[in-house]
Amino acid sequence: MKRILLIVLIFSISKVTAQTSPCLTNPVYRQFDFWIGSWEVFALNGNKAGDSKITLILDSCVIFEEWVSTITKQQPGYSGKSYNTYNGITQQWQQTWVDNTGGTIEYLEGRLNGNKMMFFTKPFAFTKDTMALRKLSFVNLGPDRVQQLGEISKDKGGSWQTEFDLEYRRKKQVN
């Protein structure tokens, strides 16, 4: 009898944990974990663009980015943060980017396609006469490299122009 009660208790606890912590039990929440880590980030020309630290927060439900640009005359002290999560209701990945210039971008549609996490914005007014879309892709290039590609389309996704193309290189662990 004690054994049956123990089994029922373990099953009940597992069920409650699964219901209250889907981020710990549903593998879809782990699709973007390849981006977690501490990174040095480089532009295509080889120049360092900045540093980024990506961590799990809120019971592993949110992938949190802390970005700091390399200080240059063009970018004196630029920094930002992104909050990335899987929305179980819409069954989409989402990212909200905020920065120290007051900028905000919401990517409300996202999905994993092979080794690439892709995010899309809703159409937004780029100018008075032009609607645009943004696409943000993260390509898993292996355990120590991730490509981040930001693109914009001003013709409803017919053609895309690169806004930035960055390579994240994992920082070496110091023992």
Protein backbone atom coordinates (compact mmCIF):
# COMPACT_ATOMS: atom_id res chain seq x y z
CA MET A 1 0.00 0.00 0.00
CA LYS A 2 2.83 2.42 0.86
CA ARG A 3 4.45 1.65 -2.49
CA ILE A 4 1.24 2.48 -4.38
CA LEU A 5 0.86 5.75 -2.45
CA LEU A 6 4.49 6.63 -3.25
CA ILE A 7 3.96 5.98 -6.96
CA VAL A 8 0.77 8.07 -6.95
CA LEU A 9 2.59 10.90 -5.12
CA ILE A 10 5.53 10.86 -7.56
CA PHE A 11 3.14 10.85 -10.53
CA SER A 12 1.13 13.74 -9.03
CA ILE A 13 4.26 15.82 -8.39
CA SER A 14 5.52 15.16 -11.94
CA LYS A 15 2.17 16.19 -13.39
CA VAL A 16 2.03 19.40 -11.32
CA THR A 17 5.64 20.25 -12.29
CA ALA A 18 4.84 19.72 -15.98
CA GLN A 19 1.76 21.95 -15.71
CA THR A 20 3.47 24.74 -13.78
CA SER A 21 6.87 24.56 -15.51
CA PRO A 22 6.40 23.73 -19.19
CA CYS A 23 9.73 25.44 -19.89
CA LEU A 24 11.51 22.70 -17.96
CA THR A 25 9.60 19.78 -19.48
CA ASN A 26 8.59 20.70 -23.05
CA PRO A 27 11.54 20.41 -25.50
CA VAL A 28 10.20 23.22 -27.72
CA TYR A 29 11.41 25.70 -25.07
CA ARG A 30 14.97 24.45 -25.57
CA GLN A 31 15.13 25.02 -29.36
CA PHE A 32 17.04 28.30 -29.02
CA ASP A 33 19.46 27.17 -26.30
CA PHE A 34 22.31 27.07 -28.86
CA TRP A 35 22.56 30.85 -28.38
CA ILE A 36 23.07 30.68 -24.61
CA GLY A 37 26.56 31.67 -23.46
CA SER A 38 29.06 34.51 -23.35
CA TRP A 39 30.09 35.79 -26.77
CA GLU A 40 32.41 38.16 -28.57
CA VAL A 41 30.62 39.46 -31.65
CA PHE A 42 32.30 40.40 -34.93
CA ALA A 43 31.18 42.18 -38.10
CA LEU A 44 31.93 40.73 -41.55
CA ASN A 45 34.98 42.99 -41.87
CA GLY A 46 36.52 41.22 -38.86
CA ASN A 47 36.15 44.17 -36.49
CA LYS A 48 34.73 43.46 -33.05
CA ALA A 49 31.18 44.79 -32.84
CA GLY A 50 30.53 44.05 -29.18
CA ASP A 51 29.95 41.51 -26.42
CA SER A 52 26.80 39.61 -25.63
CA LYS A 53 25.82 37.50 -22.65
CA ILE A 54 22.86 35.16 -23.14
CA THR A 55 21.30 33.48 -20.09
CA LEU A 56 18.17 31.63 -19.05
CA ILE A 57 15.91 33.50 -16.61
CA LEU A 58 12.43 33.07 -15.11
CA ASP A 59 12.58 29.31 -14.49
CA SER A 60 14.21 28.71 -17.90
CA CYS A 61 11.26 30.29 -19.75
CA VAL A 62 13.12 33.33 -21.11
CA ILE A 63 16.39 33.54 -23.00
CA PHE A 64 17.78 36.93 -21.96
CA GLU A 65 20.42 38.81 -23.97
CA GLU A 66 22.62 41.59 -22.61
CA TRP A 67 24.38 43.38 -25.49
CA VAL A 68 27.14 46.00 -25.25
CA SER A 69 28.67 47.45 -28.42
CA THR A 70 32.34 48.10 -28.83
CA ILE A 71 32.73 51.81 -28.20
CA THR A 72 33.46 53.78 -31.38
CA LYS A 73 32.87 57.33 -32.54
CA GLN A 74 29.76 56.12 -34.39
CA GLN A 75 28.43 54.01 -31.47
CA PRO A 76 29.51 55.60 -28.17
CA GLY A 77 28.16 53.31 -25.47
CA TYR A 78 25.33 51.57 -27.34
CA SER A 79 23.70 48.72 -25.39
CA GLY A 80 20.51 46.72 -25.42
CA LYS A 81 18.66 43.72 -24.13
CA SER A 82 16.42 41.15 -25.71
CA TYR A 83 13.82 38.87 -24.19
CA ASN A 84 13.21 35.67 -26.17
CA THR A 85 10.51 33.17 -25.33
CA TYR A 86 8.27 30.55 -26.81
CA ASN A 87 4.62 31.56 -26.70
CA GLY A 88 2.67 28.37 -26.05
CA ILE A 89 -0.62 29.97 -27.08
CA THR A 90 0.49 31.17 -30.54
CA GLN A 91 3.09 28.39 -30.83
CA GLN A 92 5.62 30.97 -32.00
CA TRP A 93 8.95 32.17 -30.73
CA GLN A 94 9.01 35.88 -29.90
CA GLN A 95 11.73 38.44 -29.27
CA THR A 96 11.45 41.92 -27.80
CA TRP A 97 14.54 44.11 -28.23
CA VAL A 98 15.04 47.31 -26.21
CA ASP A 99 18.07 49.60 -26.18
CA ASN A 100 19.56 52.65 -24.51
CA THR A 101 18.47 54.96 -27.33
CA GLY A 102 14.78 54.30 -26.72
CA GLY A 103 14.57 51.79 -29.57
CA THR A 104 12.22 48.83 -29.42
CA ILE A 105 11.59 46.05 -31.94
CA GLU A 106 9.03 43.30 -31.47
CA TYR A 107 9.43 40.10 -33.43
CA LEU A 108 6.14 38.32 -32.75
CA GLU A 109 6.50 35.45 -35.20
CA GLY A 110 9.42 33.06 -34.83
CA ARG A 111 10.24 29.47 -35.59
CA LEU A 112 13.11 27.03 -35.75
CA ASN A 113 13.85 25.82 -39.27
CA GLY A 114 16.68 23.25 -39.24
CA ASN A 115 19.64 24.98 -37.59
CA LYS A 116 18.17 28.47 -38.00
CA MET A 117 15.92 30.41 -35.60
CA MET A 118 13.99 33.01 -37.60
CA PHE A 119 11.97 35.93 -36.23
CA PHE A 120 9.67 38.32 -38.14
CA THR A 121 8.03 41.61 -37.21
CA LYS A 122 4.52 42.59 -38.16
CA PRO A 123 4.39 45.24 -40.94
CA PHE A 124 5.31 48.70 -39.64
CA ALA A 125 5.50 52.22 -41.05
CA PHE A 126 9.11 52.73 -42.17
CA THR A 127 8.32 56.12 -43.66
CA LYS A 128 5.09 58.00 -44.30
CA ASP A 129 4.65 56.11 -47.58
CA THR A 130 6.45 52.81 -46.92
CA MET A 131 5.49 49.77 -44.90
CA ALA A 132 8.32 47.42 -43.97
CA LEU A 133 9.03 44.08 -42.32
CA ARG A 134 12.09 42.99 -40.40
CA LYS A 135 13.55 39.49 -40.28
CA LEU A 136 16.11 38.36 -37.71
CA SER A 137 17.88 35.02 -38.18
CA PHE A 138 20.21 33.11 -35.87
CA VAL A 139 22.13 30.31 -37.58
CA ASN A 140 23.74 27.65 -35.39
CA LEU A 141 27.19 27.23 -36.96
CA GLY A 142 28.39 24.78 -34.30
CA PRO A 143 29.01 24.78 -30.56
CA ASP A 144 31.13 27.94 -30.62
CA ARG A 145 29.69 30.08 -33.44
CA VAL A 146 26.31 31.66 -34.26
CA GLN A 147 25.50 33.98 -37.16
CA GLN A 148 22.98 36.76 -36.51
CA LEU A 149 21.52 38.32 -39.65
CA GLY A 150 19.17 41.31 -39.55
CA GLU A 151 17.24 42.13 -42.73
CA ILE A 152 14.53 44.55 -43.82
CA SER A 153 11.99 44.36 -46.63
CA LYS A 154 10.13 47.36 -47.97
CA ASP A 155 8.07 45.33 -50.47
CA LYS A 156 6.08 42.95 -48.24
CA GLY A 157 8.87 40.37 -47.98
CA GLY A 158 9.54 40.17 -51.70
CA SER A 159 13.18 41.21 -51.35
CA TRP A 160 15.39 41.62 -48.30
CA GLN A 161 18.28 44.02 -47.64
CA THR A 162 20.88 43.26 -44.98
CA GLU A 163 20.90 45.67 -42.04
CA PHE A 164 23.62 43.79 -40.13
CA ASP A 165 25.46 40.48 -40.35
CA LEU A 166 27.30 39.41 -37.20
CA GLU A 167 29.21 36.36 -36.04
CA TYR A 168 29.01 35.38 -32.39
CA ARG A 169 32.13 33.57 -31.16
CA ARG A 170 31.89 31.83 -27.80
CA LYS A 171 34.29 33.25 -25.21
CA LYS A 172 36.80 30.73 -23.94
CA GLN A 173 36.25 29.47 -20.39
CA VAL A 174 38.99 30.55 -17.99
CA ASN A 175 39.66 27.96 -15.27
